[in-house]
PDB file of N, CA and C in Angstrom:
ATOM      1  N   MET A   1      12.222  16.795 -54.274  1.00  0.00           N
ATOM      2  CA  MET A   1      12.673  16.561 -52.910  1.00  0.00           C
ATOM      3  C   MET A   1      12.213  17.729 -52.030  1.00  0.00           C
ATOM      4  N   LYS A   2      11.729  17.391 -50.840  1.00  0.00           N
ATOM      5  CA  LYS A   2      11.220  18.404 -49.928  1.00  0.00           C
ATOM      6  C   LYS A   2      12.354  19.162 -49.253  1.00  0.00           C
ATOM      7  N   LYS A   3      12.123  20.440 -49.091  1.00  0.00           N
ATOM      8  CA  LYS A   3      13.085  21.265 -48.374  1.00  0.00           C
ATOM      9  C   LYS A   3      12.821  21.121 -46.870  1.00  0.00           C
ATOM     10  N   PRO A   4      13.851  20.879 -46.046  1.00  0.00           N
ATOM     11  CA  PRO A   4      13.613  20.727 -44.602  1.00  0.00           C
ATOM     12  C   PRO A   4      13.084  22.032 -44.002  1.00  0.00           C
ATOM     13  N   LYS A   5      12.201  21.882 -43.058  1.00  0.00           N
ATOM     14  CA  LYS A   5      11.595  23.038 -42.407  1.00  0.00           C
ATOM     15  C   LYS A   5      12.600  23.688 -41.468  1.00  0.00           C
ATOM     16  N   GLU A   6      12.621  25.003 -41.490  1.00  0.00           N
ATOM     17  CA  GLU A   6      13.526  25.743 -40.625  1.00  0.00           C
ATOM     18  C   GLU A   6      12.743  26.290 -39.426  1.00  0.00           C
ATOM     19  N   TYR A   7      13.264  26.048 -38.275  1.00  0.00           N
ATOM     20  CA  TYR A   7      12.646  26.523 -37.039  1.00  0.00           C
ATOM     21  C   TYR A   7      13.403  27.761 -36.578  1.00  0.00           C
ATOM     22  N   THR A   8      12.911  28.931 -36.962  1.00  0.00           N
ATOM     23  CA  THR A   8      13.620  30.171 -36.653  1.00  0.00           C
ATOM     24  C   THR A   8      13.396  30.632 -35.218  1.00  0.00           C
ATOM     25  N   TYR A   9      12.380  30.135 -34.569  1.00  0.00           N
ATOM     26  CA  TYR A   9      12.050  30.603 -33.221  1.00  0.00           C
ATOM     27  C   TYR A   9      12.856  29.896 -32.136  1.00  0.00           C
ATOM     28  N   ILE A  10      13.556  28.842 -32.473  1.00  0.00           N
ATOM     29  CA  ILE A  10      14.275  28.042 -31.469  1.00  0.00           C
ATOM     30  C   ILE A  10      15.356  28.861 -30.760  1.00  0.00           C
ATOM     31  N   THR A  11      16.149  29.611 -31.490  1.00  0.00           N
ATOM     32  CA  THR A  11      17.233  30.370 -30.848  1.00  0.00           C
ATOM     33  C   THR A  11      16.673  31.411 -29.883  1.00  0.00           C
ATOM     34  N   GLY A  12      15.577  32.083 -30.262  1.00  0.00           N
ATOM     35  CA  GLY A  12      14.957  33.058 -29.366  1.00  0.00           C
ATOM     36  C   GLY A  12      14.394  32.395 -28.124  1.00  0.00           C
ATOM     37  N   LEU A  13      13.822  31.197 -28.288  1.00  0.00           N
ATOM     38  CA  LEU A  13      13.261  30.461 -27.158  1.00  0.00           C
ATOM     39  C   LEU A  13      14.362  30.044 -26.181  1.00  0.00           C
ATOM     40  N   ILE A  14      15.465  29.550 -26.707  1.00  0.00           N
ATOM     41  CA  ILE A  14      16.592  29.141 -25.852  1.00  0.00           C
ATOM     42  C   ILE A  14      17.135  30.350 -25.090  1.00  0.00           C
ATOM     43  N   THR A  15      17.213  31.481 -25.768  1.00  0.00           N
ATOM     44  CA  THR A  15      17.704  32.697 -25.119  1.00  0.00           C
ATOM     45  C   THR A  15      16.772  33.129 -23.990  1.00  0.00           C
ATOM     46  N   GLU A  16      15.470  33.091 -24.229  1.00  0.00           N
ATOM     47  CA  GLU A  16      14.509  33.474 -23.202  1.00  0.00           C
ATOM     48  C   GLU A  16      14.579  32.549 -21.991  1.00  0.00           C
ATOM     49  N   VAL A  17      14.684  31.260 -22.219  1.00  0.00           N
ATOM     50  CA  VAL A  17      14.757  30.295 -21.112  1.00  0.00           C
ATOM     51  C   VAL A  17      16.034  30.506 -20.316  1.00  0.00           C
ATOM     52  N   THR A  18      17.142  30.681 -21.002  1.00  0.00           N
ATOM     53  CA  THR A  18      18.419  30.901 -20.318  1.00  0.00           C
ATOM     54  C   THR A  18      18.374  32.171 -19.489  1.00  0.00           C
ATOM     55  N   ASN A  19      17.821  33.233 -20.049  1.00  0.00           N
ATOM     56  CA  ASN A  19      17.725  34.499 -19.303  1.00  0.00           C
ATOM     57  C   ASN A  19      16.815  34.355 -18.091  1.00  0.00           C
ATOM     58  N   GLU A  20      15.732  33.623 -18.233  1.00  0.00           N
ATOM     59  CA  GLU A  20      14.799  33.452 -17.106  1.00  0.00           C
ATOM     60  C   GLU A  20      15.477  32.757 -15.937  1.00  0.00           C
ATOM     61  N   PHE A  21      16.307  31.762 -16.233  1.00  0.00           N
ATOM     62  CA  PHE A  21      16.946  31.009 -15.160  1.00  0.00           C
ATOM     63  C   PHE A  21      18.216  31.659 -14.629  1.00  0.00           C
ATOM     64  N   THR A  22      18.834  32.540 -15.402  1.00  0.00           N
ATOM     65  CA  THR A  22      20.050  33.189 -14.902  1.00  0.00           C
ATOM     66  C   THR A  22      19.763  34.554 -14.295  1.00  0.00           C
ATOM     67  N   ILE A  23      18.828  35.306 -14.879  1.00  0.00           N
ATOM     68  CA  ILE A  23      18.527  36.647 -14.388  1.00  0.00           C
ATOM     69  C   ILE A  23      17.284  36.651 -13.501  1.00  0.00           C
ATOM     70  N   GLY A  24      16.312  35.841 -13.852  1.00  0.00           N
ATOM     71  CA  GLY A  24      15.039  35.825 -13.144  1.00  0.00           C
ATOM     72  C   GLY A  24      15.135  35.189 -11.768  1.00  0.00           C
ATOM     73  N   LYS A  25      13.982  35.021 -11.123  1.00  0.00           N
ATOM     74  CA  LYS A  25      13.937  34.466  -9.773  1.00  0.00           C
ATOM     75  C   LYS A  25      13.992  32.945  -9.763  1.00  0.00           C
ATOM     76  N   LYS A  26      13.683  32.324 -10.875  1.00  0.00           N
ATOM     77  CA  LYS A  26      13.696  30.870 -10.934  1.00  0.00           C
ATOM     78  C   LYS A  26      15.132  30.371 -11.079  1.00  0.00           C
ATOM     79  N   ARG A  27      15.390  29.225 -10.578  1.00  0.00           N
ATOM     80  CA  ARG A  27      16.714  28.618 -10.692  1.00  0.00           C
ATOM     81  C   ARG A  27      16.566  27.214 -11.253  1.00  0.00           C
ATOM     82  N   ILE A  28      17.518  26.804 -12.050  1.00  0.00           N
ATOM     83  CA  ILE A  28      17.480  25.466 -12.637  1.00  0.00           C
ATOM     84  C   ILE A  28      17.645  24.408 -11.557  1.00  0.00           C
ATOM     85  N   SER A  29      18.494  24.660 -10.573  1.00  0.00           N
ATOM     86  CA  SER A  29      18.757  23.672  -9.536  1.00  0.00           C
ATOM     87  C   SER A  29      17.806  23.805  -8.349  1.00  0.00           C
ATOM     88  N   GLY A  30      16.721  24.530  -8.528  1.00  0.00           N
ATOM     89  CA  GLY A  30      15.768  24.718  -7.438  1.00  0.00           C
ATOM     90  C   GLY A  30      15.037  23.427  -7.098  1.00  0.00           C
ATOM     91  N   LYS A  31      14.438  23.401  -5.918  1.00  0.00           N
ATOM     92  CA  LYS A  31      13.725  22.223  -5.457  1.00  0.00           C
ATOM     93  C   LYS A  31      12.393  22.106  -6.195  1.00  0.00           C
ATOM     94  N   CYS A  32      12.101  20.940  -6.698  1.00  0.00           N
ATOM     95  CA  CYS A  32      10.851  20.689  -7.408  1.00  0.00           C
ATOM     96  C   CYS A  32       9.832  20.180  -6.402  1.00  0.00           C
ATOM     97  N   GLU A  33       8.738  20.891  -6.275  1.00  0.00           N
ATOM     98  CA  GLU A  33       7.719  20.504  -5.311  1.00  0.00           C
ATOM     99  C   GLU A  33       6.548  19.852  -6.026  1.00  0.00           C
ATOM    100  N   GLN A  34       6.078  18.742  -5.488  1.00  0.00           N
ATOM    101  CA  GLN A  34       4.928  18.063  -6.044  1.00  0.00           C
ATOM    102  C   GLN A  34       3.804  18.074  -5.020  1.00  0.00           C
ATOM    103  N   LEU A  35       2.585  18.088  -5.528  1.00  0.00           N
ATOM    104  CA  LEU A  35       1.441  18.021  -4.642  1.00  0.00           C
ATOM    105  C   LEU A  35       1.318  16.625  -4.046  1.00  0.00           C
ATOM    106  N   SER A  36       0.757  16.523  -2.867  1.00  0.00           N
ATOM    107  CA  SER A  36       0.637  15.219  -2.216  1.00  0.00           C
ATOM    108  C   SER A  36      -0.305  14.295  -2.973  1.00  0.00           C
ATOM    109  N   GLU A  37      -1.284  14.854  -3.698  1.00  0.00           N
ATOM    110  CA  GLU A  37      -2.223  14.005  -4.436  1.00  0.00           C
ATOM    111  C   GLU A  37      -1.762  13.720  -5.864  1.00  0.00           C
ATOM    112  N   ASP A  38      -0.554  14.149  -6.207  1.00  0.00           N
ATOM    113  CA  ASP A  38      -0.030  13.930  -7.551  1.00  0.00           C
ATOM    114  C   ASP A  38       0.231  12.438  -7.768  1.00  0.00           C
ATOM    115  N   PRO A  39      -0.355  11.822  -8.813  1.00  0.00           N
ATOM    116  CA  PRO A  39      -0.171  10.385  -9.029  1.00  0.00           C
ATOM    117  C   PRO A  39       1.265   9.996  -9.370  1.00  0.00           C
ATOM    118  N   GLU A  40       2.081  10.947  -9.806  1.00  0.00           N
ATOM    119  CA  GLU A  40       3.473  10.627 -10.125  1.00  0.00           C
ATOM    120  C   GLU A  40       4.315  10.385  -8.875  1.00  0.00           C
ATOM    121  N   ARG A  41       3.811  10.771  -7.710  1.00  0.00           N
ATOM    122  CA  ARG A  41       4.563  10.543  -6.469  1.00  0.00           C
ATOM    123  C   ARG A  41       4.552   9.072  -6.073  1.00  0.00           C
ATOM    124  N   ILE A  42       3.548   8.338  -6.533  1.00  0.00           N
ATOM    125  CA  ILE A  42       3.455   6.923  -6.201  1.00  0.00           C
ATOM    126  C   ILE A  42       4.355   6.159  -7.148  1.00  0.00           C
ATOM    127  N   ARG A  43       5.283   5.443  -6.616  1.00  0.00           N
ATOM    128  CA  ARG A  43       6.229   4.700  -7.455  1.00  0.00           C
ATOM    129  C   ARG A  43       5.553   3.492  -8.086  1.00  0.00           C
ATOM    130  N   SER A  44       5.977   3.186  -9.286  1.00  0.00           N
ATOM    131  CA  SER A  44       5.389   2.048  -9.994  1.00  0.00           C
ATOM    132  C   SER A  44       5.854   0.715  -9.414  1.00  0.00           C
ATOM    133  N   THR A  45       6.918   0.733  -8.613  1.00  0.00           N
ATOM    134  CA  THR A  45       7.425  -0.514  -8.051  1.00  0.00           C
ATOM    135  C   THR A  45       6.734  -0.903  -6.749  1.00  0.00           C
ATOM    136  N   ILE A  46       5.937  -0.015  -6.208  1.00  0.00           N
ATOM    137  CA  ILE A  46       5.261  -0.308  -4.940  1.00  0.00           C
ATOM    138  C   ILE A  46       3.969  -1.053  -5.238  1.00  0.00           C
ATOM    139  N   ALA A  47       3.785  -2.184  -4.597  1.00  0.00           N
ATOM    140  CA  ALA A  47       2.592  -2.995  -4.810  1.00  0.00           C
ATOM    141  C   ALA A  47       1.387  -2.328  -4.157  1.00  0.00           C
ATOM    142  N   PRO A  48       0.207  -2.427  -4.774  1.00  0.00           N
ATOM    143  CA  PRO A  48      -0.975  -1.811  -4.194  1.00  0.00           C
ATOM    144  C   PRO A  48      -1.549  -2.587  -3.006  1.00  0.00           C
ATOM    145  N   VAL A  49      -0.997  -3.759  -2.701  1.00  0.00           N
ATOM    146  CA  VAL A  49      -1.474  -4.559  -1.569  1.00  0.00           C
ATOM    147  C   VAL A  49      -0.353  -4.665  -0.545  1.00  0.00           C
ATOM    148  N   THR A  50      -0.720  -4.865   0.704  1.00  0.00           N
ATOM    149  CA  THR A  50       0.288  -5.011   1.748  1.00  0.00           C
ATOM    150  C   THR A  50       0.872  -6.423   1.707  1.00  0.00           C
ATOM    151  N   PRO A  51       2.151  -6.584   2.005  1.00  0.00           N
ATOM    152  CA  PRO A  51       2.766  -7.904   1.971  1.00  0.00           C
ATOM    153  C   PRO A  51       2.296  -8.763   3.142  1.00  0.00           C
ATOM    154  N   PRO A  52       2.364 -10.090   3.000  1.00  0.00           N
ATOM    155  CA  PRO A  52       1.974 -10.959   4.100  1.00  0.00           C
ATOM    156  C   PRO A  52       2.977 -10.855   5.246  1.00  0.00           C
ATOM    157  N   PRO A  53       2.573 -11.218   6.456  1.00  0.00           N
ATOM    158  CA  PRO A  53       3.491 -11.148   7.595  1.00  0.00           C
ATOM    159  C   PRO A  53       4.693 -12.086   7.416  1.00  0.00           C
ATOM    160  N   THR A  54       5.764 -11.761   8.078  1.00  0.00           N
ATOM    161  CA  THR A  54       7.001 -12.533   7.972  1.00  0.00           C
ATOM    162  C   THR A  54       6.808 -13.965   8.443  1.00  0.00           C
ATOM    163  N   SER A  55       5.960 -14.176   9.432  1.00  0.00           N
ATOM    164  CA  SER A  55       5.746 -15.541   9.938  1.00  0.00           C
ATOM    165  C   SER A  55       5.173 -16.445   8.846  1.00  0.00           C
ATOM    166  N   ILE A  56       4.273 -15.923   8.037  1.00  0.00           N
ATOM    167  CA  ILE A  56       3.705 -16.725   6.947  1.00  0.00           C
ATOM    168  C   ILE A  56       4.752 -16.965   5.869  1.00  0.00           C
ATOM    169  N   LEU A  57       5.538 -15.938   5.576  1.00  0.00           N
ATOM    170  CA  LEU A  57       6.583 -16.100   4.567  1.00  0.00           C
ATOM    171  C   LEU A  57       7.626 -17.127   4.989  1.00  0.00           C
ATOM    172  N   SER A  58       7.984 -17.115   6.273  1.00  0.00           N
ATOM    173  CA  SER A  58       8.989 -18.077   6.738  1.00  0.00           C
ATOM    174  C   SER A  58       8.441 -19.501   6.720  1.00  0.00           C
ATOM    175  N   ASP A  59       7.142 -19.676   6.935  1.00  0.00           N
ATOM    176  CA  ASP A  59       6.539 -21.011   6.856  1.00  0.00           C
ATOM    177  C   ASP A  59       6.523 -21.533   5.418  1.00  0.00           C
ATOM    178  N   GLN A  60       6.370 -20.630   4.452  1.00  0.00           N
ATOM    179  CA  GLN A  60       6.304 -21.029   3.051  1.00  0.00           C
ATOM    180  C   GLN A  60       7.676 -21.166   2.407  1.00  0.00           C
ATOM    181  N   HIS A  61       8.719 -20.674   3.065  1.00  0.00           N
ATOM    182  CA  HIS A  61      10.058 -20.640   2.482  1.00  0.00           C
ATOM    183  C   HIS A  61      10.608 -22.047   2.244  1.00  0.00           C
ATOM    184  N   VAL A  62      11.186 -22.235   1.062  1.00  0.00           N
ATOM    185  CA  VAL A  62      11.856 -23.490   0.730  1.00  0.00           C
ATOM    186  C   VAL A  62      13.298 -23.140   0.385  1.00  0.00           C
ATOM    187  N   SER A  63      14.237 -23.764   1.061  1.00  0.00           N
ATOM    188  CA  SER A  63      15.641 -23.460   0.868  1.00  0.00           C
ATOM    189  C   SER A  63      16.135 -24.017  -0.465  1.00  0.00           C
ATOM    190  N   ARG A  64      16.898 -23.217  -1.194  1.00  0.00           N
ATOM    191  CA  ARG A  64      17.497 -23.693  -2.442  1.00  0.00           C
ATOM    192  C   ARG A  64      18.546 -24.765  -2.152  1.00  0.00           C
ATOM    193  N   LEU A  65      19.234 -24.606  -1.027  1.00  0.00           N
ATOM    194  CA  LEU A  65      20.296 -25.552  -0.703  1.00  0.00           C
ATOM    195  C   LEU A  65      19.739 -26.936  -0.402  1.00  0.00           C
ATOM    196  N   ARG A  66      18.634 -26.998   0.297  1.00  0.00           N
ATOM    197  CA  ARG A  66      18.026 -28.302   0.594  1.00  0.00           C
ATOM    198  C   ARG A  66      17.541 -28.979  -0.677  1.00  0.00           C
ATOM    199  N   LYS A  67      16.971 -28.195  -1.590  1.00  0.00           N
ATOM    200  CA  LYS A  67      16.524 -28.748  -2.861  1.00  0.00           C
ATOM    201  C   LYS A  67      17.709 -29.319  -3.634  1.00  0.00           C
ATOM    202  N   ALA A  68      18.817 -28.581  -3.644  1.00  0.00           N
ATOM    203  CA  ALA A  68      19.998 -29.014  -4.387  1.00  0.00           C
ATOM    204  C   ALA A  68      20.584 -30.291  -3.785  1.00  0.00           C
ATOM    205  N   LYS A  69      20.599 -30.377  -2.458  1.00  0.00           N
ATOM    206  CA  LYS A  69      21.122 -31.586  -1.817  1.00  0.00           C
ATOM    207  C   LYS A  69      20.264 -32.796  -2.158  1.00  0.00           C
ATOM    208  N   LYS A  70      18.938 -32.627  -2.159  1.00  0.00           N
ATOM    209  CA  LYS A  70      18.041 -33.725  -2.477  1.00  0.00           C
ATOM    210  C   LYS A  70      18.228 -34.177  -3.914  1.00  0.00           C
ATOM    211  N   MET A  71      18.430 -33.243  -4.816  1.00  0.00           N
ATOM    212  CA  MET A  71      18.577 -33.577  -6.223  1.00  0.00           C
ATOM    213  C   MET A  71      19.922 -34.249  -6.503  1.00  0.00           C
ATOM    214  N   ASN A  72      20.975 -33.829  -5.796  1.00  0.00           N
ATOM    215  CA  ASN A  72      22.317 -34.361  -6.028  1.00  0.00           C
ATOM    216  C   ASN A  72      22.600 -35.655  -5.258  1.00  0.00           C
ATOM    217  N   SER A  73      21.839 -35.927  -4.249  1.00  0.00           N
ATOM    218  CA  SER A  73      22.123 -37.137  -3.476  1.00  0.00           C
ATOM    219  C   SER A  73      21.531 -38.344  -4.218  1.00  0.00           C
ATOM    220  N   CYS A  74      22.331 -39.337  -4.348  1.00  0.00           N
ATOM    221  CA  CYS A  74      21.833 -40.536  -5.017  1.00  0.00           C
ATOM    222  C   CYS A  74      21.904 -41.703  -4.017  1.00  0.00           C
ATOM    223  N   THR A  75      21.017 -42.617  -4.169  1.00  0.00           N
ATOM    224  CA  THR A  75      21.006 -43.756  -3.257  1.00  0.00           C
ATOM    225  C   THR A  75      22.050 -44.773  -3.743  1.00  0.00           C
ATOM    226  N   ARG A  76      22.791 -45.319  -2.806  1.00  0.00           N
ATOM    227  CA  ARG A  76      23.822 -46.299  -3.168  1.00  0.00           C
ATOM    228  C   ARG A  76      23.213 -47.682  -3.243  1.00  0.00           C
ATOM    229  N   ARG A  77      23.613 -48.367  -4.248  1.00  0.00           N
ATOM    230  CA  ARG A  77      23.135 -49.746  -4.358  1.00  0.00           C
ATOM    231  C   ARG A  77      24.172 -50.666  -3.761  1.00  0.00           C
ATOM    232  N   VAL A  78      23.702 -51.614  -3.069  1.00  0.00           N
ATOM    233  CA  VAL A  78      24.618 -52.530  -2.387  1.00  0.00           C
ATOM    234  C   VAL A  78      24.754 -53.813  -3.137  1.00  0.00           C
TER     235      VAL A  78
END
């Protein structure tokens, strides 16, 4: 059975990071600045194309309520 590897440098690393943020000039809650050309600034939810004008969208709109009324209405037989 293999012996698990021991990471002896982790405690020293944590101590150095903590000291840098508490004693040093850097702060954990500081403002993170990104470059304007950074690709991470562009959200993945934003479409790469512009949306169509509202007038076209309103012409294409089909009401769910009208569809439901048409489906539920039955013709009466006399």
